[in-house]
Amino acid sequence: MNTLLGLLLVAFAAWVAWKVFKKPDANDDGVVDHKDVLHAAKDSLDVNKDGKVDLADVKAAGEKAVEKVKKGRKKKV
């Protein structure tokens, strides 16, 4: 369980680092600082893009995961 949690934390950190690298000055204040990292993390976690991180994002992420699983289980002709 600890290995899985560690892997998830590393994956999330990599995702945030990729977002920061992609657009370093996210809030356009002229300085790359911790506020830009916070903005990138919120952007990564806001799955349904409504501007806030809440339980609706968890539900949307779950629905996306279910759709991916359903697509993967289609029979090949």
Protein backbone atom coordinates (compact mmCIF):
# COMPACT_ATOMS: atom_id res chain seq x y z
CA MET A 1 0.00 0.00 0.00
CA ASN A 2 2.83 2.39 0.84
CA THR A 3 4.45 1.67 -2.52
CA LEU A 4 1.22 2.50 -4.35
CA LEU A 5 0.78 5.72 -2.40
CA GLY A 6 4.39 6.70 -3.09
CA LEU A 7 3.95 5.97 -6.79
CA LEU A 8 0.80 8.11 -6.92
CA LEU A 9 2.57 11.00 -5.17
CA VAL A 10 5.50 10.79 -7.58
CA ALA A 11 3.12 10.70 -10.55
CA PHE A 12 1.23 13.74 -9.26
CA ALA A 13 4.48 15.62 -8.63
CA ALA A 14 5.63 14.80 -12.17
CA TRP A 15 2.32 16.02 -13.60
CA VAL A 16 2.60 19.33 -11.69
CA ALA A 17 6.24 19.72 -12.78
CA TRP A 18 5.19 19.14 -16.40
CA LYS A 19 2.47 21.80 -16.07
CA VAL A 20 4.94 24.28 -14.56
CA PHE A 21 7.54 23.50 -17.24
CA LYS A 22 4.92 23.90 -19.97
CA LYS A 23 3.90 27.38 -18.81
CA PRO A 24 6.27 28.54 -16.03
CA ASP A 25 4.59 31.85 -15.18
CA ALA A 26 1.00 30.60 -14.85
CA ASN A 27 -0.41 33.73 -13.18
CA ASP A 28 1.45 36.19 -15.47
CA ASP A 29 2.98 38.25 -12.67
CA GLY A 30 6.46 38.20 -14.21
CA VAL A 31 7.99 35.91 -11.59
CA VAL A 32 8.06 32.12 -11.43
CA ASP A 33 7.34 31.28 -7.78
CA HIS A 34 5.33 29.01 -5.49
CA LYS A 35 2.08 30.66 -6.61
CA ASP A 36 2.68 29.34 -10.12
CA VAL A 37 3.20 25.80 -8.78
CA LEU A 38 -0.02 26.10 -6.74
CA HIS A 39 -1.88 27.29 -9.84
CA ALA A 40 -0.53 24.34 -11.86
CA ALA A 41 -1.53 21.88 -9.12
CA LYS A 42 -5.07 23.28 -8.95
CA ASP A 43 -5.31 23.17 -12.74
CA SER A 44 -4.21 19.52 -12.69
CA LEU A 45 -6.74 18.56 -10.01
CA ASP A 46 -9.69 20.47 -11.50
CA VAL A 47 -10.90 17.64 -13.73
CA ASN A 48 -14.23 19.17 -14.75
CA LYS A 49 -12.70 22.65 -15.29
CA ASP A 50 -15.27 24.52 -13.17
CA GLY A 51 -12.63 26.61 -11.37
CA LYS A 52 -12.68 24.79 -8.04
CA VAL A 53 -11.37 21.48 -6.71
CA ASP A 54 -14.21 19.55 -5.07
CA LEU A 55 -16.00 16.19 -4.96
CA ALA A 56 -17.42 16.79 -8.43
CA ASP A 57 -13.84 16.50 -9.75
CA VAL A 58 -13.46 13.11 -8.08
CA LYS A 59 -16.72 11.97 -9.64
CA ALA A 60 -15.67 13.25 -13.08
CA ALA A 61 -12.29 11.51 -12.77
CA GLY A 62 -14.02 8.27 -11.83
CA GLU A 63 -16.38 8.53 -14.80
CA LYS A 64 -13.43 9.12 -17.15
CA ALA A 65 -11.65 6.08 -15.73
CA VAL A 66 -14.75 3.92 -16.20
CA GLU A 67 -15.08 5.07 -19.82
CA LYS A 68 -11.44 4.15 -20.48
CA VAL A 69 -12.00 0.69 -19.03
CA LYS A 70 -15.14 0.19 -21.12
CA LYS A 71 -13.29 1.20 -24.28
CA GLY A 72 -10.50 -1.23 -23.47
CA ARG A 73 -12.90 -4.14 -23.09
CA LYS A 74 -14.50 -3.93 -26.52
CA LYS A 75 -14.21 -7.17 -28.44
CA LYS A 76 -12.00 -7.20 -31.49
CA VAL A 77 -13.65 -8.30 -34.72
